[in-house]
Every structure is written in C-alpha cells, then in structure tokens.
Amino acid sequence: ASELNPILYDRVCENFYSKGESRNKDGLAGRRTDFNFHIKNIKEVDVLLTWIKNLLPEISIKFASENAEESYHFDQQHFKLVGCWGAHYNRGEGLTKHNHFPYTISFVYYVKTPEGFSPLIIEDENIDVKEGQCAFFLAHQYHSVQPNNCDGRCVIAGNFLYEEI
C-alpha cells in the first residue's frame, strides 16, 4: 500500500473537513477529513482499506489471546469499518489523550512521516511506526500525539466495531 502514499496524501489534503481553524472542540490540532472518508469512493483509499481489512482477522486473534493455539469464541469476519478519516499535522500540532470507546479495534496508517514527526503514544508508550505501516490497537486504549517538530505528518485512521450477525 505504501506506493500509494503520495496519492493518499493528496486525497487527505483535498478532503479536509474544515479549511479554516486548525483546532476543534475535540482537542484535535491540525486538519482532518470528516469521519466517512471510507465511503467516498476514492480508489486509493479503498485499496488501502482493503489491505487493512485483510489484516484484521490476524490482528484480532493477537488481541484475543497470548496463546495462538487457543480457540476463539468470535468470528473474525464480523468486524465492520464504521468510521475512517485522514489527519494532517504541521509543526506544533498534535492530538490530546483520548480513546475511541465504544468501538472495538482502531488503526492508524502512516501516509507521511517527515523527519521530526511525533509518534503515536498508546497507554503512555511510544509506538515506533514508519511511513507505509499501520498500527492497530484496542479502541478503548488512551492514545495521543505530542506536538510535531515538522510539517506534513499525515495519517489515515479508523474504527472497527465487532457485530454479531
């Protein structure tokens, strides 16, 4: 998916929710798309999200147990992507500590990580993720991003909900 990053960067920037103020009431500094970025029929975003969805069964098993041989009492195919957005941060911009409860699993895909970008912090631990990689975490976990030391940090993030059918 990383070969799509320059195009994904452009698609995020073309779809900012607000062209004005870079802070909103949710504590987000920087700019973001709206939360339905996954249903805008943007080819490159769809390719990325297909890749992420294909990783989800393996990721969910890792979250379910420390023992890979254990049986699971859930269907890994019942995860539904319920929200997705792009976010762009410049120098001095970050994200206050928050979580995505009541969702099940969240992800952050790194579109652009210029030198000096701030890492994702989950439960007070820096997550070393590079451009073209995706971090998955349990949605109830608190996470944040310290103010950036660069311009152009860009991610695509989202939430999955587990739904019994």
C-alpha atoms as a PDB file:
ATOM      1  CA  ALA A   1       0.000   0.000   0.000  1.00  0.00           C
ATOM      2  CA  SER A   2       2.915   2.394   0.628  1.00  0.00           C
ATOM      3  CA  GLU A   3       3.402   3.121  -3.087  1.00  0.00           C
ATOM      4  CA  LEU A   4       0.014   4.865  -2.873  1.00  0.00           C
ATOM      5  CA  ASN A   5       1.204   7.239  -0.131  1.00  0.00           C
ATOM      6  CA  PRO A   6       1.830  10.326  -2.319  1.00  0.00           C
ATOM      7  CA  ILE A   7      -1.674   9.978  -3.786  1.00  0.00           C
ATOM      8  CA  LEU A   8      -3.211   9.238  -0.376  1.00  0.00           C
ATOM      9  CA  TYR A   9      -1.527  12.374   0.990  1.00  0.00           C
ATOM     10  CA  ASP A  10      -3.148  14.439  -1.771  1.00  0.00           C
ATOM     11  CA  ARG A  11      -6.562  12.817  -1.178  1.00  0.00           C
ATOM     12  CA  VAL A  12      -6.432  13.619   2.542  1.00  0.00           C
ATOM     13  CA  CYS A  13      -5.465  17.242   1.850  1.00  0.00           C
ATOM     14  CA  GLU A  14      -8.198  17.599  -0.813  1.00  0.00           C
ATOM     15  CA  ASN A  15     -10.874  16.412   1.623  1.00  0.00           C
ATOM     16  CA  PHE A  16     -10.265  18.468   4.760  1.00  0.00           C
ATOM     17  CA  TYR A  17     -13.435  18.871   6.818  1.00  0.00           C
ATOM     18  CA  SER A  18     -12.592  22.489   7.583  1.00  0.00           C
ATOM     19  CA  LYS A  19     -10.345  24.817   5.602  1.00  0.00           C
ATOM     20  CA  GLY A  20     -10.074  27.317   8.462  1.00  0.00           C
ATOM     21  CA  GLU A  21      -9.122  26.892  12.117  1.00  0.00           C
ATOM     22  CA  SER A  22      -6.743  24.032  12.876  1.00  0.00           C
ATOM     23  CA  ARG A  23      -8.168  23.244  16.341  1.00  0.00           C
ATOM     24  CA  ASN A  24     -11.606  21.946  17.134  1.00  0.00           C
ATOM     25  CA  LYS A  25     -13.595  21.188  20.264  1.00  0.00           C
ATOM     26  CA  ASP A  26     -12.372  17.547  20.269  1.00  0.00           C
ATOM     27  CA  GLY A  27      -8.798  18.586  21.012  1.00  0.00           C
ATOM     28  CA  LEU A  28      -7.559  17.857  17.519  1.00  0.00           C
ATOM     29  CA  ALA A  29      -4.878  20.169  16.274  1.00  0.00           C
ATOM     30  CA  GLY A  30      -4.164  20.029  12.599  1.00  0.00           C
ATOM     31  CA  ARG A  31      -6.678  19.304   9.913  1.00  0.00           C
ATOM     32  CA  ARG A  32      -8.789  16.233   9.198  1.00  0.00           C
ATOM     33  CA  THR A  33     -11.328  14.874   6.792  1.00  0.00           C
ATOM     34  CA  ASP A  34     -14.802  14.042   8.005  1.00  0.00           C
ATOM     35  CA  PHE A  35     -15.376  10.619   9.558  1.00  0.00           C
ATOM     36  CA  ASN A  36     -16.829   8.988   6.426  1.00  0.00           C
ATOM     37  CA  PHE A  37     -13.607   9.015   4.393  1.00  0.00           C
ATOM     38  CA  HIS A  38     -14.113   5.270   3.826  1.00  0.00           C
ATOM     39  CA  ILE A  39     -17.337   5.721   1.818  1.00  0.00           C
ATOM     40  CA  LYS A  40     -16.264   8.500  -0.556  1.00  0.00           C
ATOM     41  CA  ASN A  41     -15.343   6.076  -3.380  1.00  0.00           C
ATOM     42  CA  ILE A  42     -11.733   7.250  -3.511  1.00  0.00           C
ATOM     43  CA  LYS A  43      -9.901   4.454  -5.324  1.00  0.00           C
ATOM     44  CA  GLU A  44      -6.610   4.744  -3.415  1.00  0.00           C
ATOM     45  CA  VAL A  45      -8.358   4.909  -0.028  1.00  0.00           C
ATOM     46  CA  ASP A  46     -10.407   1.836  -0.980  1.00  0.00           C
ATOM     47  CA  VAL A  47      -7.209  -0.081  -1.871  1.00  0.00           C
ATOM     48  CA  LEU A  48      -5.634   0.860   1.473  1.00  0.00           C
ATOM     49  CA  LEU A  49      -8.732  -0.102   3.446  1.00  0.00           C
ATOM     50  CA  THR A  50      -8.972  -3.472   1.671  1.00  0.00           C
ATOM     51  CA  TRP A  51      -5.373  -4.167   2.768  1.00  0.00           C
ATOM     52  CA  ILE A  52      -6.191  -3.136   6.349  1.00  0.00           C
ATOM     53  CA  LYS A  53      -9.396  -5.235   6.432  1.00  0.00           C
ATOM     54  CA  ASN A  54      -7.428  -8.257   5.209  1.00  0.00           C
ATOM     55  CA  LEU A  55      -5.032  -7.873   8.161  1.00  0.00           C
ATOM     56  CA  LEU A  56      -7.834  -7.622  10.710  1.00  0.00           C
ATOM     57  CA  PRO A  57      -8.552 -11.357  11.297  1.00  0.00           C
ATOM     58  CA  GLU A  58      -4.899 -11.992  12.243  1.00  0.00           C
ATOM     59  CA  ILE A  59      -4.774  -8.818  14.340  1.00  0.00           C
ATOM     60  CA  SER A  60      -7.965  -9.738  16.194  1.00  0.00           C
ATOM     61  CA  ILE A  61      -6.547 -13.144  17.100  1.00  0.00           C
ATOM     62  CA  LYS A  62      -3.434 -11.478  18.548  1.00  0.00           C
ATOM     63  CA  PHE A  63      -5.638  -9.216  20.683  1.00  0.00           C
ATOM     64  CA  ALA A  64      -7.811 -12.143  21.804  1.00  0.00           C
ATOM     65  CA  SER A  65      -5.133 -14.278  23.411  1.00  0.00           C
ATOM     66  CA  GLU A  66      -1.457 -14.689  24.197  1.00  0.00           C
ATOM     67  CA  ASN A  67      -1.766 -18.338  23.135  1.00  0.00           C
ATOM     68  CA  ALA A  68      -2.011 -18.703  19.342  1.00  0.00           C
ATOM     69  CA  GLU A  69      -3.299 -22.277  19.725  1.00  0.00           C
ATOM     70  CA  GLU A  70      -6.330 -21.261  21.772  1.00  0.00           C
ATOM     71  CA  SER A  71      -9.785 -21.495  20.213  1.00  0.00           C
ATOM     72  CA  TYR A  72     -11.755 -18.287  19.786  1.00  0.00           C
ATOM     73  CA  HIS A  73     -15.373 -17.641  20.528  1.00  0.00           C
ATOM     74  CA  PHE A  74     -15.843 -14.953  17.921  1.00  0.00           C
ATOM     75  CA  ASP A  75     -15.980 -14.767  14.143  1.00  0.00           C
ATOM     76  CA  GLN A  76     -13.117 -12.657  12.824  1.00  0.00           C
ATOM     77  CA  GLN A  77     -15.249 -11.742   9.802  1.00  0.00           C
ATOM     78  CA  HIS A  78     -17.787  -9.823  11.928  1.00  0.00           C
ATOM     79  CA  PHE A  79     -15.703  -6.658  12.205  1.00  0.00           C
ATOM     80  CA  LYS A  80     -17.224  -3.704  10.377  1.00  0.00           C
ATOM     81  CA  LEU A  81     -15.403  -0.477   9.480  1.00  0.00           C
ATOM     82  CA  VAL A  82     -17.668   2.206  10.960  1.00  0.00           C
ATOM     83  CA  GLY A  83     -15.525   5.315  10.677  1.00  0.00           C
ATOM     84  CA  CYS A  84     -12.424   6.461   8.873  1.00  0.00           C
ATOM     85  CA  TRP A  85     -10.686   9.818   8.487  1.00  0.00           C
ATOM     86  CA  GLY A  86      -7.473  11.393   7.321  1.00  0.00           C
ATOM     87  CA  ALA A  87      -5.470  13.756   9.543  1.00  0.00           C
ATOM     88  CA  HIS A  88      -2.651  16.165   8.749  1.00  0.00           C
ATOM     89  CA  TYR A  89      -0.373  17.821  11.303  1.00  0.00           C
ATOM     90  CA  ASN A  90       2.172  20.607  10.936  1.00  0.00           C
ATOM     91  CA  ARG A  91       4.841  21.872  13.325  1.00  0.00           C
ATOM     92  CA  GLY A  92       3.495  22.345  16.860  1.00  0.00           C
ATOM     93  CA  GLU A  93       0.296  20.379  16.202  1.00  0.00           C
ATOM     94  CA  GLY A  94      -0.659  17.171  17.996  1.00  0.00           C
ATOM     95  CA  LEU A  95      -3.584  15.318  19.487  1.00  0.00           C
ATOM     96  CA  THR A  96      -4.750  15.266  23.103  1.00  0.00           C
ATOM     97  CA  LYS A  97      -5.129  11.991  25.007  1.00  0.00           C
ATOM     98  CA  HIS A  98      -8.400  10.256  24.134  1.00  0.00           C
ATOM     99  CA  ASN A  99      -9.857   6.867  23.229  1.00  0.00           C
ATOM    100  CA  HIS A 100     -12.374   5.541  20.715  1.00  0.00           C
ATOM    101  CA  PHE A 101     -14.740   3.677  23.061  1.00  0.00           C
ATOM    102  CA  PRO A 102     -17.259   2.070  22.312  1.00  0.00           C
ATOM    103  CA  TYR A 103     -15.541   0.813  19.153  1.00  0.00           C
ATOM    104  CA  THR A 104     -13.563  -2.440  19.219  1.00  0.00           C
ATOM    105  CA  ILE A 105     -10.332  -2.004  17.246  1.00  0.00           C
ATOM    106  CA  SER A 106      -8.771   1.199  15.933  1.00  0.00           C
ATOM    107  CA  PHE A 107      -5.983   1.716  13.429  1.00  0.00           C
ATOM    108  CA  VAL A 108      -3.621   4.442  12.271  1.00  0.00           C
ATOM    109  CA  TYR A 109      -1.953   4.100   8.867  1.00  0.00           C
ATOM    110  CA  TYR A 110       1.084   6.322   8.331  1.00  0.00           C
ATOM    111  CA  VAL A 111       0.851   8.113   4.978  1.00  0.00           C
ATOM    112  CA  LYS A 112       3.710  10.591   5.512  1.00  0.00           C
ATOM    113  CA  THR A 113       6.281  10.757   8.323  1.00  0.00           C
ATOM    114  CA  PRO A 114       8.735  13.613   7.704  1.00  0.00           C
ATOM    115  CA  GLU A 115      11.835  13.872   9.868  1.00  0.00           C
ATOM    116  CA  GLY A 116      10.766  15.170  13.287  1.00  0.00           C
ATOM    117  CA  PHE A 117       7.252  13.685  13.197  1.00  0.00           C
ATOM    118  CA  SER A 118       5.700  12.815  16.538  1.00  0.00           C
ATOM    119  CA  PRO A 119       4.936   9.153  17.235  1.00  0.00           C
ATOM    120  CA  LEU A 120       1.619   7.737  18.312  1.00  0.00           C
ATOM    121  CA  ILE A 121       1.547   7.233  22.081  1.00  0.00           C
ATOM    122  CA  ILE A 122      -0.716   4.405  23.304  1.00  0.00           C
ATOM    123  CA  GLU A 123      -1.160   3.977  27.056  1.00  0.00           C
ATOM    124  CA  ASP A 124       1.967   6.154  27.616  1.00  0.00           C
ATOM    125  CA  GLU A 125       4.139   4.020  25.282  1.00  0.00           C
ATOM    126  CA  ASN A 126       5.664   5.447  22.090  1.00  0.00           C
ATOM    127  CA  ILE A 127       4.735   3.315  19.097  1.00  0.00           C
ATOM    128  CA  ASP A 128       7.537   3.192  16.540  1.00  0.00           C
ATOM    129  CA  VAL A 129       5.658   3.190  13.252  1.00  0.00           C
ATOM    130  CA  LYS A 130       7.112   4.346   9.950  1.00  0.00           C
ATOM    131  CA  GLU A 131       5.598   5.596   6.728  1.00  0.00           C
ATOM    132  CA  GLY A 132       3.659   2.820   4.997  1.00  0.00           C
ATOM    133  CA  GLN A 133       2.967   0.931   8.233  1.00  0.00           C
ATOM    134  CA  CYS A 134      -0.232   0.563  10.225  1.00  0.00           C
ATOM    135  CA  ALA A 135      -0.682   0.478  14.000  1.00  0.00           C
ATOM    136  CA  PHE A 136      -3.675  -1.410  15.421  1.00  0.00           C
ATOM    137  CA  PHE A 137      -4.857  -1.026  19.000  1.00  0.00           C
ATOM    138  CA  LEU A 138      -7.875  -1.747  21.168  1.00  0.00           C
ATOM    139  CA  ALA A 139     -10.189   1.226  20.751  1.00  0.00           C
ATOM    140  CA  HIS A 140     -10.642   1.756  24.500  1.00  0.00           C
ATOM    141  CA  GLN A 141      -6.901   2.410  24.950  1.00  0.00           C
ATOM    142  CA  TYR A 142      -5.946   6.022  25.554  1.00  0.00           C
ATOM    143  CA  HIS A 143      -3.662   7.478  22.904  1.00  0.00           C
ATOM    144  CA  SER A 144      -2.222  10.832  21.875  1.00  0.00           C
ATOM    145  CA  VAL A 145       0.307  12.595  19.649  1.00  0.00           C
ATOM    146  CA  GLN A 146       2.743  15.142  21.087  1.00  0.00           C
ATOM    147  CA  PRO A 147       3.243  18.400  19.159  1.00  0.00           C
ATOM    148  CA  ASN A 148       5.085  17.758  15.894  1.00  0.00           C
ATOM    149  CA  ASN A 149       8.569  19.045  15.062  1.00  0.00           C
ATOM    150  CA  CYS A 150       7.851  19.069  11.324  1.00  0.00           C
ATOM    151  CA  ASP A 151       5.238  19.906   8.721  1.00  0.00           C
ATOM    152  CA  GLY A 152       3.253  17.333   6.773  1.00  0.00           C
ATOM    153  CA  ARG A 153       2.685  14.420   9.191  1.00  0.00           C
ATOM    154  CA  CYS A 154      -0.261  12.600   7.626  1.00  0.00           C
ATOM    155  CA  VAL A 155      -2.256   9.545   8.699  1.00  0.00           C
ATOM    156  CA  ILE A 156      -5.447   7.723   7.851  1.00  0.00           C
ATOM    157  CA  ALA A 157      -7.207   6.353  10.922  1.00  0.00           C
ATOM    158  CA  GLY A 158     -10.377   4.442  11.624  1.00  0.00           C
ATOM    159  CA  ASN A 159     -12.502   2.312  13.894  1.00  0.00           C
ATOM    160  CA  PHE A 160     -13.877  -1.203  13.572  1.00  0.00           C
ATOM    161  CA  LEU A 161     -16.874  -2.442  15.518  1.00  0.00           C
ATOM    162  CA  TYR A 162     -17.486  -6.111  16.216  1.00  0.00           C
ATOM    163  CA  GLU A 163     -21.057  -7.025  15.308  1.00  0.00           C
ATOM    164  CA  GLU A 164     -22.667 -10.399  15.847  1.00  0.00           C
ATOM    165  CA  ILE A 165     -24.989 -11.064  12.956  1.00  0.00           C
END
